Every structure is written in structure tokens, then in C-alpha cells.
C-alpha atoms as a PDB file:
ATOM      1  CA  MET A   1     101.120  83.144 108.411  1.00  0.00           C
ATOM      2  CA  GLU A   2     100.086  80.455 105.951  1.00  0.00           C
ATOM      3  CA  ASN A   3      96.888  78.810 105.698  1.00  0.00           C
ATOM      4  CA  LYS A   4      95.602  81.056 108.854  1.00  0.00           C
ATOM      5  CA  GLU A   5      92.842  79.772 110.973  1.00  0.00           C
ATOM      6  CA  VAL A   6      90.854  83.136 112.749  1.00  0.00           C
ATOM      7  CA  LEU A   7      90.368  82.206 116.274  1.00  0.00           C
ATOM      8  CA  LEU A   8      89.103  85.694 117.218  1.00  0.00           C
ATOM      9  CA  LYS A   9      87.527  88.045 115.177  1.00  0.00           C
ATOM     10  CA  VAL A  10      87.138  91.958 116.777  1.00  0.00           C
ATOM     11  CA  ARG A  11      85.354  94.466 114.888  1.00  0.00           C
ATOM     12  CA  GLY A  12      84.281  97.705 116.030  1.00  0.00           C
ATOM     13  CA  ALA A  13      85.140  97.070 119.515  1.00  0.00           C
ATOM     14  CA  LYS A  14      84.681 100.236 121.927  1.00  0.00           C
ATOM     15  CA  THR A  15      85.268 100.542 125.658  1.00  0.00           C
ATOM     16  CA  TYR A  16      83.822 103.701 127.199  1.00  0.00           C
ATOM     17  CA  PHE A  17      83.637 104.418 130.471  1.00  0.00           C
ATOM     18  CA  PRO A  18      81.463 107.147 131.693  1.00  0.00           C
ATOM     19  CA  ILE A  19      82.679 110.254 133.761  1.00  0.00           C
ATOM     20  CA  LYS A  20      79.957 111.311 136.565  1.00  0.00           C
ATOM     21  CA  LYS A  21      79.810 114.423 138.636  1.00  0.00           C
ATOM     22  CA  GLY A  22      77.616 116.264 140.806  1.00  0.00           C
ATOM     23  CA  ILE A  23      74.996 114.667 143.728  1.00  0.00           C
ATOM     24  CA  LEU A  24      73.432 113.156 141.075  1.00  0.00           C
ATOM     25  CA  LYS A  25      76.167 111.634 139.577  1.00  0.00           C
ATOM     26  CA  LYS A  26      75.200 112.459 135.857  1.00  0.00           C
ATOM     27  CA  THR A  27      77.028 111.283 133.128  1.00  0.00           C
ATOM     28  CA  VAL A  28      79.115 114.358 131.499  1.00  0.00           C
ATOM     29  CA  GLY A  29      81.303 112.331 129.365  1.00  0.00           C
ATOM     30  CA  TYR A  30      83.526 109.262 128.605  1.00  0.00           C
ATOM     31  CA  VAL A  31      87.068 107.769 128.462  1.00  0.00           C
ATOM     32  CA  LYS A  32      87.455 106.358 125.576  1.00  0.00           C
ATOM     33  CA  ALA A  33      90.005 103.886 126.336  1.00  0.00           C
ATOM     34  CA  VAL A  34      89.150 101.469 123.210  1.00  0.00           C
ATOM     35  CA  ASP A  35      87.756 103.432 120.436  1.00  0.00           C
ATOM     36  CA  ASP A  36      86.770 101.226 117.510  1.00  0.00           C
ATOM     37  CA  ILE A  37      89.071  98.549 117.387  1.00  0.00           C
ATOM     38  CA  SER A  38      89.006  95.952 114.648  1.00  0.00           C
ATOM     39  CA  LEU A  39      91.365  92.903 114.242  1.00  0.00           C
ATOM     40  CA  ASP A  40      91.830  89.301 113.943  1.00  0.00           C
ATOM     41  CA  VAL A  41      93.807  86.722 115.311  1.00  0.00           C
ATOM     42  CA  TYR A  42      94.791  83.420 113.631  1.00  0.00           C
ATOM     43  CA  ARG A  43      95.058  80.167 115.684  1.00  0.00           C
ATOM     44  CA  GLY A  44      98.547  79.345 116.882  1.00  0.00           C
ATOM     45  CA  GLU A  45      99.914  82.913 116.671  1.00  0.00           C
ATOM     46  CA  THR A  46     101.259  84.951 118.800  1.00  0.00           C
ATOM     47  CA  LEU A  47      99.910  88.867 118.822  1.00  0.00           C
ATOM     48  CA  GLY A  48     102.111  91.575 120.484  1.00  0.00           C
ATOM     49  CA  LEU A  49     100.016  94.594 121.329  1.00  0.00           C
ATOM     50  CA  VAL A  50     102.219  97.476 121.971  1.00  0.00           C
ATOM     51  CA  GLY A  51     102.110 100.959 122.948  1.00  0.00           C
ATOM     52  CA  GLU A  52     102.667 103.649 125.680  1.00  0.00           C
ATOM     53  CA  SER A  53     100.744 103.270 129.444  1.00  0.00           C
ATOM     54  CA  GLY A  54      97.469 104.795 129.023  1.00  0.00           C
ATOM     55  CA  CYS A  55      97.082 103.273 125.259  1.00  0.00           C
ATOM     56  CA  GLY A  56      93.782 101.053 125.889  1.00  0.00           C
ATOM     57  CA  LYS A  57      96.384  97.782 125.706  1.00  0.00           C
ATOM     58  CA  THR A  58      95.349  96.198 128.867  1.00  0.00           C
ATOM     59  CA  THR A  59      91.076  97.137 128.519  1.00  0.00           C
ATOM     60  CA  LEU A  60      91.509  95.680 125.199  1.00  0.00           C
ATOM     61  CA  GLY A  61      92.383  92.177 126.526  1.00  0.00           C
ATOM     62  CA  LYS A  62      90.046  92.685 129.828  1.00  0.00           C
ATOM     63  CA  SER A  63      87.470  93.519 127.252  1.00  0.00           C
ATOM     64  CA  ILE A  64      88.059  90.430 125.189  1.00  0.00           C
ATOM     65  CA  LEU A  65      87.758  88.282 128.137  1.00  0.00           C
ATOM     66  CA  GLN A  66      84.665  90.576 129.459  1.00  0.00           C
ATOM     67  CA  LEU A  67      85.861  91.290 132.668  1.00  0.00           C
ATOM     68  CA  VAL A  68      84.799  94.935 131.422  1.00  0.00           C
ATOM     69  CA  PRO A  69      81.817  95.791 129.952  1.00  0.00           C
ATOM     70  CA  VAL A  70      82.420  96.204 126.094  1.00  0.00           C
ATOM     71  CA  THR A  71      80.091  99.501 125.246  1.00  0.00           C
ATOM     72  CA  GLU A  72      79.828  98.971 121.379  1.00  0.00           C
ATOM     73  CA  GLY A  73      81.100  96.327 118.741  1.00  0.00           C
ATOM     74  CA  SER A  74      81.452  92.374 118.719  1.00  0.00           C
ATOM     75  CA  MET A  75      84.368  89.864 119.958  1.00  0.00           C
ATOM     76  CA  GLU A  76      83.577  86.361 118.046  1.00  0.00           C
ATOM     77  CA  TYR A  77      85.408  83.863 119.194  1.00  0.00           C
ATOM     78  CA  GLN A  78      85.910  80.387 116.954  1.00  0.00           C
ATOM     79  CA  PHE A  79      84.113  77.717 119.055  1.00  0.00           C
ATOM     80  CA  GLU A  80      83.571  73.874 118.253  1.00  0.00           C
ATOM     81  CA  ASP A  81      79.956  74.495 116.512  1.00  0.00           C
ATOM     82  CA  GLY A  82      80.804  77.651 114.819  1.00  0.00           C
ATOM     83  CA  PHE A  83      81.535  81.759 115.841  1.00  0.00           C
ATOM     84  CA  LYS A  84      79.853  83.120 118.632  1.00  0.00           C
ATOM     85  CA  ASP A  85      79.934  86.802 119.854  1.00  0.00           C
ATOM     86  CA  LEU A  86      81.229  86.843 123.381  1.00  0.00           C
ATOM     87  CA  ARG A  87      79.235  89.736 124.333  1.00  0.00           C
ATOM     88  CA  LYS A  88      76.082  87.841 123.405  1.00  0.00           C
ATOM     89  CA  LEU A  89      76.818  85.011 125.838  1.00  0.00           C
ATOM     90  CA  SER A  90      75.173  83.749 128.939  1.00  0.00           C
ATOM     91  CA  LYS A  91      76.594  83.886 131.987  1.00  0.00           C
ATOM     92  CA  LYS A  92      77.121  79.799 131.943  1.00  0.00           C
ATOM     93  CA  GLU A  93      78.380  80.342 128.409  1.00  0.00           C
ATOM     94  CA  LEU A  94      80.720  82.798 129.189  1.00  0.00           C
ATOM     95  CA  ASP A  95      82.135  80.442 132.123  1.00  0.00           C
ATOM     96  CA  ASN A  96      83.002  77.395 129.725  1.00  0.00           C
ATOM     97  CA  ALA A  97      83.984  80.057 126.978  1.00  0.00           C
ATOM     98  CA  ARG A  98      86.646  81.393 129.663  1.00  0.00           C
ATOM     99  CA  GLN A  99      88.132  77.746 130.026  1.00  0.00           C
ATOM    100  CA  LYS A 100      89.362  78.290 126.412  1.00  0.00           C
ATOM    101  CA  ILE A 101      90.304  82.105 126.864  1.00  0.00           C
ATOM    102  CA  GLN A 102      92.937  82.509 130.008  1.00  0.00           C
ATOM    103  CA  ILE A 103      95.000  85.662 131.235  1.00  0.00           C
ATOM    104  CA  VAL A 104      98.064  85.695 132.961  1.00  0.00           C
ATOM    105  CA  PHE A 105      98.314  89.071 134.672  1.00  0.00           C
ATOM    106  CA  GLN A 106     101.379  91.759 135.322  1.00  0.00           C
ATOM    107  CA  ASP A 107     101.472  91.915 138.803  1.00  0.00           C
ATOM    108  CA  PRO A 108     102.188  88.074 139.629  1.00  0.00           C
ATOM    109  CA  TYR A 109     102.318  88.457 143.629  1.00  0.00           C
ATOM    110  CA  SER A 110      98.437  90.552 143.714  1.00  0.00           C
ATOM    111  CA  SER A 111      97.148  87.534 141.474  1.00  0.00           C
ATOM    112  CA  LEU A 112      97.538  85.068 143.696  1.00  0.00           C
ATOM    113  CA  ASN A 113      95.427  85.014 147.433  1.00  0.00           C
ATOM    114  CA  PRO A 114      98.641  85.330 149.753  1.00  0.00           C
ATOM    115  CA  ALA A 115      96.167  83.109 152.468  1.00  0.00           C
ATOM    116  CA  PHE A 116      96.153  80.304 150.283  1.00  0.00           C
ATOM    117  CA  THR A 117      98.559  77.871 149.193  1.00  0.00           C
ATOM    118  CA  ILE A 118      99.694  77.071 145.622  1.00  0.00           C
ATOM    119  CA  TYR A 119      97.830  74.068 145.413  1.00  0.00           C
ATOM    120  CA  GLY A 120      94.693  76.400 147.039  1.00  0.00           C
ATOM    121  CA  SER A 121      94.981  78.632 144.134  1.00  0.00           C
ATOM    122  CA  LEU A 122      95.392  76.221 141.521  1.00  0.00           C
ATOM    123  CA  GLU A 123      92.680  73.774 142.400  1.00  0.00           C
ATOM    124  CA  ASP A 124      89.363  76.115 142.050  1.00  0.00           C
ATOM    125  CA  PRO A 125      89.769  76.208 138.227  1.00  0.00           C
ATOM    126  CA  LEU A 126      90.124  72.672 138.184  1.00  0.00           C
ATOM    127  CA  ILE A 127      86.929  71.929 140.861  1.00  0.00           C
ATOM    128  CA  LYS A 128      84.562  74.481 138.577  1.00  0.00           C
ATOM    129  CA  PHE A 129      85.628  72.793 135.750  1.00  0.00           C
ATOM    130  CA  GLY A 130      84.716  69.176 136.818  1.00  0.00           C
ATOM    131  CA  VAL A 131      88.099  67.514 138.499  1.00  0.00           C
ATOM    132  CA  LYS A 132      86.423  66.234 141.578  1.00  0.00           C
ATOM    133  CA  SER A 133      88.958  63.718 142.727  1.00  0.00           C
ATOM    134  CA  LYS A 134      91.614  65.620 145.298  1.00  0.00           C
ATOM    135  CA  LYS A 135      94.428  62.939 143.931  1.00  0.00           C
ATOM    136  CA  GLU A 136      93.659  63.446 140.315  1.00  0.00           C
ATOM    137  CA  ARG A 137      93.800  67.662 140.863  1.00  0.00           C
ATOM    138  CA  MET A 138      97.118  66.849 143.042  1.00  0.00           C
ATOM    139  CA  ASP A 139      98.696  65.025 140.280  1.00  0.00           C
ATOM    140  CA  LYS A 140      97.680  67.658 137.387  1.00  0.00           C
ATOM    141  CA  ILE A 141      98.821  70.464 139.411  1.00  0.00           C
ATOM    142  CA  GLY A 142     102.325  68.600 140.454  1.00  0.00           C
ATOM    143  CA  LYS A 143     102.308  67.954 136.462  1.00  0.00           C
ATOM    144  CA  LEU A 144     101.161  71.933 135.490  1.00  0.00           C
ATOM    145  CA  LEU A 145     104.240  73.407 138.273  1.00  0.00           C
ATOM    146  CA  GLU A 146     106.659  70.612 136.148  1.00  0.00           C
ATOM    147  CA  ASP A 147     105.957  72.214 133.134  1.00  0.00           C
ATOM    148  CA  VAL A 148     106.831  75.848 134.257  1.00  0.00           C
ATOM    149  CA  ASN A 149     110.005  74.290 135.985  1.00  0.00           C
ATOM    150  CA  LEU A 150     108.934  74.203 138.974  1.00  0.00           C
ATOM    151  CA  PRO A 151     109.153  71.151 141.722  1.00  0.00           C
ATOM    152  CA  ARG A 152     105.628  69.430 142.381  1.00  0.00           C
ATOM    153  CA  ASP A 153     106.527  70.035 146.213  1.00  0.00           C
ATOM    154  CA  TYR A 154     106.177  73.914 145.912  1.00  0.00           C
ATOM    155  CA  MET A 155     101.899  73.442 145.667  1.00  0.00           C
ATOM    156  CA  SER A 156     102.074  73.212 149.801  1.00  0.00           C
ATOM    157  CA  ARG A 157     104.138  76.736 150.168  1.00  0.00           C
ATOM    158  CA  TYR A 158     102.620  79.964 150.033  1.00  0.00           C
ATOM    159  CA  PRO A 159     102.617  83.182 147.583  1.00  0.00           C
ATOM    160  CA  ASN A 160     105.236  84.813 149.997  1.00  0.00           C
ATOM    161  CA  GLU A 161     107.663  82.323 149.955  1.00  0.00           C
ATOM    162  CA  PHE A 162     108.350  82.850 145.958  1.00  0.00           C
ATOM    163  CA  SER A 163     110.121  85.669 144.126  1.00  0.00           C
ATOM    164  CA  GLY A 164     108.952  87.419 141.308  1.00  0.00           C
ATOM    165  CA  GLY A 165     109.852  85.267 138.567  1.00  0.00           C
ATOM    166  CA  GLN A 166     108.757  81.714 140.387  1.00  0.00           C
ATOM    167  CA  ARG A 167     105.334  83.745 141.392  1.00  0.00           C
ATOM    168  CA  GLN A 168     104.787  84.143 137.590  1.00  0.00           C
ATOM    169  CA  ARG A 169     105.433  80.898 136.545  1.00  0.00           C
ATOM    170  CA  ILE A 170     102.892  80.066 138.794  1.00  0.00           C
ATOM    171  CA  GLY A 171     100.140  82.365 137.461  1.00  0.00           C
ATOM    172  CA  ILE A 172     101.298  80.500 134.054  1.00  0.00           C
ATOM    173  CA  ALA A 173     100.334  77.610 135.323  1.00  0.00           C
ATOM    174  CA  ARG A 174      97.192  78.395 136.836  1.00  0.00           C
ATOM    175  CA  ALA A 175      96.369  79.848 133.464  1.00  0.00           C
ATOM    176  CA  LEU A 176      96.976  76.305 131.896  1.00  0.00           C
ATOM    177  CA  SER A 177      95.201  74.271 133.767  1.00  0.00           C
ATOM    178  CA  VAL A 178      92.305  74.334 132.104  1.00  0.00           C
ATOM    179  CA  ASN A 179      93.830  73.954 128.723  1.00  0.00           C
ATOM    180  CA  PRO A 180      92.775  77.075 127.156  1.00  0.00           C
ATOM    181  CA  GLU A 181      93.865  77.889 123.778  1.00  0.00           C
ATOM    182  CA  LEU A 182      93.876  81.633 123.740  1.00  0.00           C
ATOM    183  CA  ILE A 183      96.202  83.378 126.438  1.00  0.00           C
ATOM    184  CA  ILE A 184      96.008  86.938 126.877  1.00  0.00           C
ATOM    185  CA  CYS A 185      99.354  88.073 128.866  1.00  0.00           C
ATOM    186  CA  ASP A 186      98.997  91.562 130.168  1.00  0.00           C
ATOM    187  CA  GLU A 187     102.341  92.637 130.624  1.00  0.00           C
ATOM    188  CA  ALA A 188     103.470  89.336 131.541  1.00  0.00           C
ATOM    189  CA  VAL A 189     107.527  89.968 132.237  1.00  0.00           C
ATOM    190  CA  SER A 190     107.339  93.453 132.384  1.00  0.00           C
ATOM    191  CA  ALA A 191     107.704  93.257 136.533  1.00  0.00           C
ATOM    192  CA  LEU A 192     110.796  91.155 136.348  1.00  0.00           C
ATOM    193  CA  ASP A 193     114.076  91.716 136.643  1.00  0.00           C
ATOM    194  CA  VAL A 194     115.629  91.100 132.815  1.00  0.00           C
ATOM    195  CA  SER A 195     117.233  87.939 133.258  1.00  0.00           C
ATOM    196  CA  ILE A 196     113.939  86.312 134.595  1.00  0.00           C
ATOM    197  CA  GLN A 197     112.444  87.727 131.781  1.00  0.00           C
ATOM    198  CA  ALA A 198     114.667  85.841 128.900  1.00  0.00           C
ATOM    199  CA  GLN A 199     113.834  82.601 131.129  1.00  0.00           C
ATOM    200  CA  VAL A 200     109.957  83.464 131.305  1.00  0.00           C
ATOM    201  CA  LEU A 201     109.648  84.444 127.695  1.00  0.00           C
ATOM    202  CA  LYS A 202     111.644  81.018 126.730  1.00  0.00           C
ATOM    203  CA  LEU A 203     109.131  79.082 128.587  1.00  0.00           C
ATOM    204  CA  LEU A 204     105.921  80.944 126.962  1.00  0.00           C
ATOM    205  CA  ASN A 205     107.821  80.090 123.767  1.00  0.00           C
ATOM    206  CA  LYS A 206     108.373  76.174 124.763  1.00  0.00           C
ATOM    207  CA  LEU A 207     104.430  76.250 126.077  1.00  0.00           C
ATOM    208  CA  LYS A 208     103.154  77.313 123.044  1.00  0.00           C
ATOM    209  CA  GLU A 209     104.744  75.002 120.827  1.00  0.00           C
ATOM    210  CA  GLU A 210     103.766  72.013 123.117  1.00  0.00           C
ATOM    211  CA  ARG A 211     100.356  73.231 123.914  1.00  0.00           C
ATOM    212  CA  ALA A 212      99.742  74.893 120.274  1.00  0.00           C
ATOM    213  CA  LEU A 213      98.860  77.778 122.327  1.00  0.00           C
ATOM    214  CA  THR A 214      97.547  81.443 120.964  1.00  0.00           C
ATOM    215  CA  TYR A 215      98.804  84.392 122.709  1.00  0.00           C
ATOM    216  CA  ILE A 216      97.787  87.761 122.703  1.00  0.00           C
ATOM    217  CA  PHE A 217     100.848  89.563 124.318  1.00  0.00           C
ATOM    218  CA  ILE A 218     100.427  92.613 125.866  1.00  0.00           C
ATOM    219  CA  THR A 219     103.405  94.988 126.170  1.00  0.00           C
ATOM    220  CA  HIS A 220     104.967  98.580 126.301  1.00  0.00           C
ATOM    221  CA  ASP A 221     108.286  97.348 125.456  1.00  0.00           C
ATOM    222  CA  LEU A 222     108.867  96.520 122.016  1.00  0.00           C
ATOM    223  CA  SER A 223     112.404  95.032 121.992  1.00  0.00           C
ATOM    224  CA  VAL A 224     110.198  92.077 123.907  1.00  0.00           C
ATOM    225  CA  VAL A 225     107.464  91.499 121.503  1.00  0.00           C
ATOM    226  CA  GLU A 226     110.043  91.684 118.492  1.00  0.00           C
ATOM    227  CA  TYR A 227     111.566  88.343 120.568  1.00  0.00           C
ATOM    228  CA  LEU A 228     107.889  86.472 120.619  1.00  0.00           C
ATOM    229  CA  ALA A 229     105.170  88.192 118.541  1.00  0.00           C
ATOM    230  CA  ASP A 230     104.496  86.788 115.211  1.00  0.00           C
ATOM    231  CA  ARG A 231     102.305  89.888 114.529  1.00  0.00           C
ATOM    232  CA  ILE A 232     102.489  93.080 116.112  1.00  0.00           C
ATOM    233  CA  ALA A 233      99.585  95.792 116.819  1.00  0.00           C
ATOM    234  CA  VAL A 234     100.604  99.293 117.724  1.00  0.00           C
ATOM    235  CA  MET A 235      98.051 101.284 119.433  1.00  0.00           C
ATOM    236  CA  TYR A 236      97.619 105.055 120.507  1.00  0.00           C
ATOM    237  CA  LEU A 237      94.686 106.227 122.414  1.00  0.00           C
ATOM    238  CA  GLY A 238      92.362 103.605 122.349  1.00  0.00           C
ATOM    239  CA  ARG A 239      93.095 103.042 118.353  1.00  0.00           C
ATOM    240  CA  ILE A 240      95.217 100.716 116.365  1.00  0.00           C
ATOM    241  CA  VAL A 241      97.638 102.737 114.487  1.00  0.00           C
ATOM    242  CA  GLU A 242      99.827  99.920 112.647  1.00  0.00           C
ATOM    243  CA  LEU A 243      99.286  96.263 112.064  1.00  0.00           C
ATOM    244  CA  THR A 244     101.980  93.765 110.585  1.00  0.00           C
ATOM    245  CA  THR A 245     104.206  91.364 110.902  1.00  0.00           C
ATOM    246  CA  SER A 246     106.908  91.175 113.454  1.00  0.00           C
ATOM    247  CA  GLU A 247     109.772  91.278 111.075  1.00  0.00           C
ATOM    248  CA  GLU A 248     107.972  93.954 108.489  1.00  0.00           C
ATOM    249  CA  LEU A 249     107.452  96.205 111.378  1.00  0.00           C
ATOM    250  CA  PHE A 250     111.184  96.591 112.510  1.00  0.00           C
ATOM    251  CA  ASN A 251     112.247  96.259 108.966  1.00  0.00           C
ATOM    252  CA  ASN A 252     109.780  98.837 107.143  1.00  0.00           C
ATOM    253  CA  THR A 253     108.049 101.349 109.791  1.00  0.00           C
ATOM    254  CA  LEU A 254     105.727 103.346 108.369  1.00  0.00           C
ATOM    255  CA  HIS A 255     103.600 105.252 111.382  1.00  0.00           C
ATOM    256  CA  PRO A 256     105.247 108.172 112.565  1.00  0.00           C
ATOM    257  CA  TYR A 257     104.466 107.002 115.837  1.00  0.00           C
ATOM    258  CA  THR A 258     105.746 103.419 115.860  1.00  0.00           C
ATOM    259  CA  LYS A 259     109.020 105.126 114.133  1.00  0.00           C
ATOM    260  CA  ALA A 260     109.329 107.199 117.648  1.00  0.00           C
ATOM    261  CA  LEU A 261     108.633 103.903 120.052  1.00  0.00           C
ATOM    262  CA  LEU A 262     111.603 101.652 117.794  1.00  0.00           C
ATOM    263  CA  SER A 263     113.639 104.988 118.145  1.00  0.00           C
ATOM    264  CA  ALA A 264     113.436 104.627 122.010  1.00  0.00           C
ATOM    265  CA  ILE A 265     114.577 101.053 121.992  1.00  0.00           C
ATOM    266  CA  PRO A 266     118.326 101.176 123.806  1.00  0.00           C
ATOM    267  CA  VAL A 267     121.150  99.836 121.774  1.00  0.00           C
ATOM    268  CA  ALA A 268     123.605  97.574 123.309  1.00  0.00           C
ATOM    269  CA  ASP A 269     126.466  98.334 120.864  1.00  0.00           C
ATOM    270  CA  VAL A 270     127.653 101.978 121.392  1.00  0.00           C
ATOM    271  CA  SER A 271     129.112 101.959 118.000  1.00  0.00           C
ATOM    272  CA  GLN A 272     125.856 102.026 116.598  1.00  0.00           C
ATOM    273  CA  LYS A 273     124.364 105.726 116.663  1.00  0.00           C
ATOM    274  CA  LYS A 274     120.702 105.649 116.930  1.00  0.00           C
ATOM    275  CA  LYS A 275     118.656 109.096 116.014  1.00  0.00           C
ATOM    276  CA  ARG A 276     115.976 109.468 118.971  1.00  0.00           C
ATOM    277  CA  ILE A 277     112.783 111.190 117.379  1.00  0.00           C
ATOM    278  CA  PRO A 278     111.209 112.462 120.327  1.00  0.00           C
ATOM    279  CA  LEU A 279     107.538 113.366 120.645  1.00  0.00           C
ATOM    280  CA  GLN A 280     106.060 116.279 122.043  1.00  0.00           C
ATOM    281  CA  GLY A 281     103.779 116.835 125.229  1.00  0.00           C
ATOM    282  CA  ASP A 282     102.461 114.129 126.766  1.00  0.00           C
ATOM    283  CA  VAL A 283      99.372 111.475 125.701  1.00  0.00           C
ATOM    284  CA  PRO A 284      96.318 113.272 125.309  1.00  0.00           C
ATOM    285  CA  SER A 285      93.826 112.117 127.759  1.00  0.00           C
ATOM    286  CA  PRO A 286      90.931 109.622 126.357  1.00  0.00           C
ATOM    287  CA  ALA A 287      88.534 111.796 127.798  1.00  0.00           C
ATOM    288  CA  ASN A 288      89.079 114.642 125.448  1.00  0.00           C
ATOM    289  CA  PRO A 289      91.368 113.238 122.296  1.00  0.00           C
ATOM    290  CA  PRO A 290      91.987 115.370 119.570  1.00  0.00           C
ATOM    291  CA  SER A 291      90.220 115.996 116.566  1.00  0.00           C
ATOM    292  CA  GLY A 292      91.175 114.537 113.343  1.00  0.00           C
ATOM    293  CA  CYS A 293      94.035 111.819 113.799  1.00  0.00           C
ATOM    294  CA  THR A 294      94.568 111.662 117.940  1.00  0.00           C
ATOM    295  CA  PHE A 295      98.624 111.497 117.298  1.00  0.00           C
ATOM    296  CA  HIS A 296      98.809 114.831 115.246  1.00  0.00           C
ATOM    297  CA  PRO A 297      99.570 117.226 118.439  1.00  0.00           C
ATOM    298  CA  ARG A 298     102.992 114.774 118.696  1.00  0.00           C
ATOM    299  CA  CYS A 299     103.718 113.862 115.235  1.00  0.00           C
ATOM    300  CA  PRO A 300     106.695 115.312 113.703  1.00  0.00           C
ATOM    301  CA  GLU A 301     105.008 114.886 110.306  1.00  0.00           C
ATOM    302  CA  CYS A 302     101.578 116.328 111.177  1.00  0.00           C
ATOM    303  CA  THR A 303      99.932 118.012 108.415  1.00  0.00           C
ATOM    304  CA  GLU A 304      96.828 120.860 108.422  1.00  0.00           C
ATOM    305  CA  ARG A 305      94.685 117.331 107.134  1.00  0.00           C
ATOM    306  CA  CYS A 306      95.853 115.127 110.181  1.00  0.00           C
ATOM    307  CA  LYS A 307      94.089 118.180 112.316  1.00  0.00           C
ATOM    308  CA  THR A 308      90.787 117.568 111.320  1.00  0.00           C
ATOM    309  CA  GLU A 309      90.491 114.361 109.151  1.00  0.00           C
ATOM    310  CA  ARG A 310      90.369 111.023 110.816  1.00  0.00           C
ATOM    311  CA  PRO A 311      92.710 108.849 109.410  1.00  0.00           C
ATOM    312  CA  VAL A 312      91.656 105.203 108.537  1.00  0.00           C
ATOM    313  CA  LEU A 313      93.334 101.979 109.367  1.00  0.00           C
ATOM    314  CA  GLU A 314      94.066 100.665 105.706  1.00  0.00           C
ATOM    315  CA  GLU A 315      95.777  97.970 104.425  1.00  0.00           C
ATOM    316  CA  TYR A 316      98.591  97.775 102.128  1.00  0.00           C
ATOM    317  CA  VAL A 317     100.757  94.886 100.902  1.00  0.00           C
ATOM    318  CA  ILE A 318     104.284  95.329 100.469  1.00  0.00           C
ATOM    319  CA  ASP A 319     106.515  92.163  98.573  1.00  0.00           C
ATOM    320  CA  GLY A 320     103.208  90.262  99.888  1.00  0.00           C
ATOM    321  CA  VAL A 321     103.328  91.067 103.018  1.00  0.00           C
ATOM    322  CA  SER A 322     100.024  92.716 104.633  1.00  0.00           C
ATOM    323  CA  HIS A 323     100.603  95.905 106.350  1.00  0.00           C
ATOM    324  CA  PHE A 324      97.642  97.820 108.050  1.00  0.00           C
ATOM    325  CA  VAL A 325      98.596 101.279 108.722  1.00  0.00           C
ATOM    326  CA  SER A 326      96.288 104.338 109.528  1.00  0.00           C
ATOM    327  CA  CYS A 327      98.112 107.547 108.621  1.00  0.00           C
ATOM    328  CA  HIS A 328      97.381 110.595 105.744  1.00  0.00           C
ATOM    329  CA  LYS A 329     101.164 111.041 104.853  1.00  0.00           C
ATOM    330  CA  VAL A 330     101.555 107.333 104.449  1.00  0.00           C
ATOM    331  CA  LYS A 331      98.318 106.612 102.411  1.00  0.00           C
ATOM    332  CA  GLU A 332      99.496 109.993 100.296  1.00  0.00           C
ATOM    333  CA  MET A 333     103.284 107.934 100.191  1.00  0.00           C
ATOM    334  CA  MET A 334     101.473 104.482  98.819  1.00  0.00           C
ATOM    335  CA  GLU A 335      99.173 106.290  96.491  1.00  0.00           C
ATOM    336  CA  ASN A 336     102.119 108.491  94.577  1.00  0.00           C
ATOM    337  CA  ASN A 337     104.330 105.070  94.343  1.00  0.00           C
ATOM    338  CA  CYS A 338     101.051 103.445  92.812  1.00  0.00           C
ATOM    339  CA  ARG A 339     100.990 106.261  90.406  1.00  0.00           C
ATOM    340  CA  LYS A 340     104.677 106.151  89.556  1.00  0.00           C
ATOM    341  CA  VAL A 341     104.628 102.115  88.896  1.00  0.00           C
ATOM    342  CA  HIS A 342     101.786 102.741  86.735  1.00  0.00           C
ATOM    343  CA  GLU A 343     102.945 105.364  84.505  1.00  0.00           C
ATOM    344  CA  ASN A 344     106.383 103.865  84.367  1.00  0.00           C
ATOM    345  CA  GLY A 345     104.749  99.998  83.701  1.00  0.00           C
END
């Protein structure tokens, strides 16, 4: 993206959950759900966050919103008067910050109170942020429903009267109700049928353009994020292993884990043969991650160095495109290529 303006800076973020045992509930270890993540989110972009279940994607999203306590690191958001660390805000300041940062949850049914009408679910944030007139709230909620392609009169109905796709549209409308700048979409289409997924993704793109929104789109489906995202961050066991533009990731995949994920995407054309890269075993426990590179027990390209030395997420500029990778083998390959260029130059 040209003229990048950083909206959110995450630096050294760690979110650990204590493991307690015994009568005295003594802490005997930690589940390292998010383990030292640093990244920038640019204003107006869609950043895709992908990886297998349990890799820490959702925890990172909730950590940004301060819905779960962050153990270490900083999460600085660009407010009108400069960057402020969300972790250091007072309760009142954090409430105001959440007007700028909203979330769309995975399950559209459980995120809506079944005892409330849609009007009842959507009016609370409006009241909280200063819309005192009921007529004004009704007008605003009616407009929000129209913006997500639902009729105004749906506000008098209850969540059980809607399909999954309609409920997710209502969830999107609720997130939009306070005019946010950044929306975290947590597996926002994974519970929907494929045809409905396409409609919701198209709607998200339309709303992004109309309202100048920024998205962090969390998903396990790379085919979905390829359509929506400007950049993609691939997570494994609480860490980012690869981060670059969507086009660069699909055309020039570097990390062995990302290669395996891409090889698992189904291809509609049966004449196109695609070699599947199988991964050994299951994802290790974040309570007891492997030494060195956490991916090494499953990596088909593992070396002895990978087993003992943790790789660092390093930036490589390839044909003018920034490409971050955390892999010893990739680093050696890049250094060898640079050496060859230098020798031939």
C-alpha cells in the first residue's frame, strides 16, 4: 500500500493463560496463546490473520480489544491526539476506544441476546455513545439494517426468526452502529454456507469502501482471505511465521507451513493436479511448545538448527514487496542469493 498510515502498532505482544493445579491452585505453567507478536495494521487495509485452529488468531484479536488480559507487550492505537497504548488506558478511556474498534463474532446466534428484538440488541451501543432520542435510534438502526441489505422492519423481530446469514448481517450492523474505524472479523463467515459466505464477503468489501474501514480478518480459510485481504499474516502456535501482501504470499510462498496450508486448498478444476504437502502429527500444545522453531516437529524441511534455535521474523524485500518470514532455511536461501548477486555484480 502506498502512503501507508499506521493505525495500530502491536509490539512484543504475549497473552499467556496460567495453568493451575492442586487444592491451592498453584500455577504450574502457562498456555502461550500469543507468544511475542509484532505487526502494524495500516489504515484502510484488510489484514488477513490465518492458521490452524488453536494457533492464537482469536486470542490476538481479543487481546487487541482488551477482552482478555495481555501478559506483556504494547498495542498502540492512533487516536486524534497520537498513539496510545490500549493496555494503559483507564476503563473510561478504553470504553471510548472501543467506539473506534469493534468486533464481529464467529457465531451470529450466540452473539445476539435471544430475549431482545434486533432493535433492543442494537440500541444499547447507541445509548452508550450519546444517541438519547428513541426516534433517532430507530432511524439509525433502520439505516444500518438497510446498509447490510435487510429491511427496516426487521428491527422488531427476534434472532430466532433469522437465518445464519441474516444474523451475521445484523452482527455487522451492530459493529457499524458506533461508526468504528477498525473492525476485527473473527471467523465471520466460517459458520455460513458457501453461497452466503460470498454475499457477506461482498458486503464487507462494499462497507469498507463506503465507510473507509480497516479490517483484521481472522480465518482458517486461505481461499476466503485471498479474496478479501490486502496483506496476510500466517500464524502458528502463537507466532507469526509469514507476513506479506496477498498476491506475494500466493505467488511466492516461502515458509514450509504456509506451503502446506496452500497445498490443502481444494481446486475446482479436476484437470489441475495439485501436490499435497502432508504435515506430520498434530499441532503441539501451546502449554509446552517445542524448542527452537515450534514448527520443526512437523516440518518436511527441518534441519538440526531448527530443533534448537528459534528463528526470528525477518523482512526481505522481493521485487519491491516487503515479505516477512521466520525460517532458518529461508534466511540461508536469501543470504546465498544475495551472495550470488554480489559475486555476479
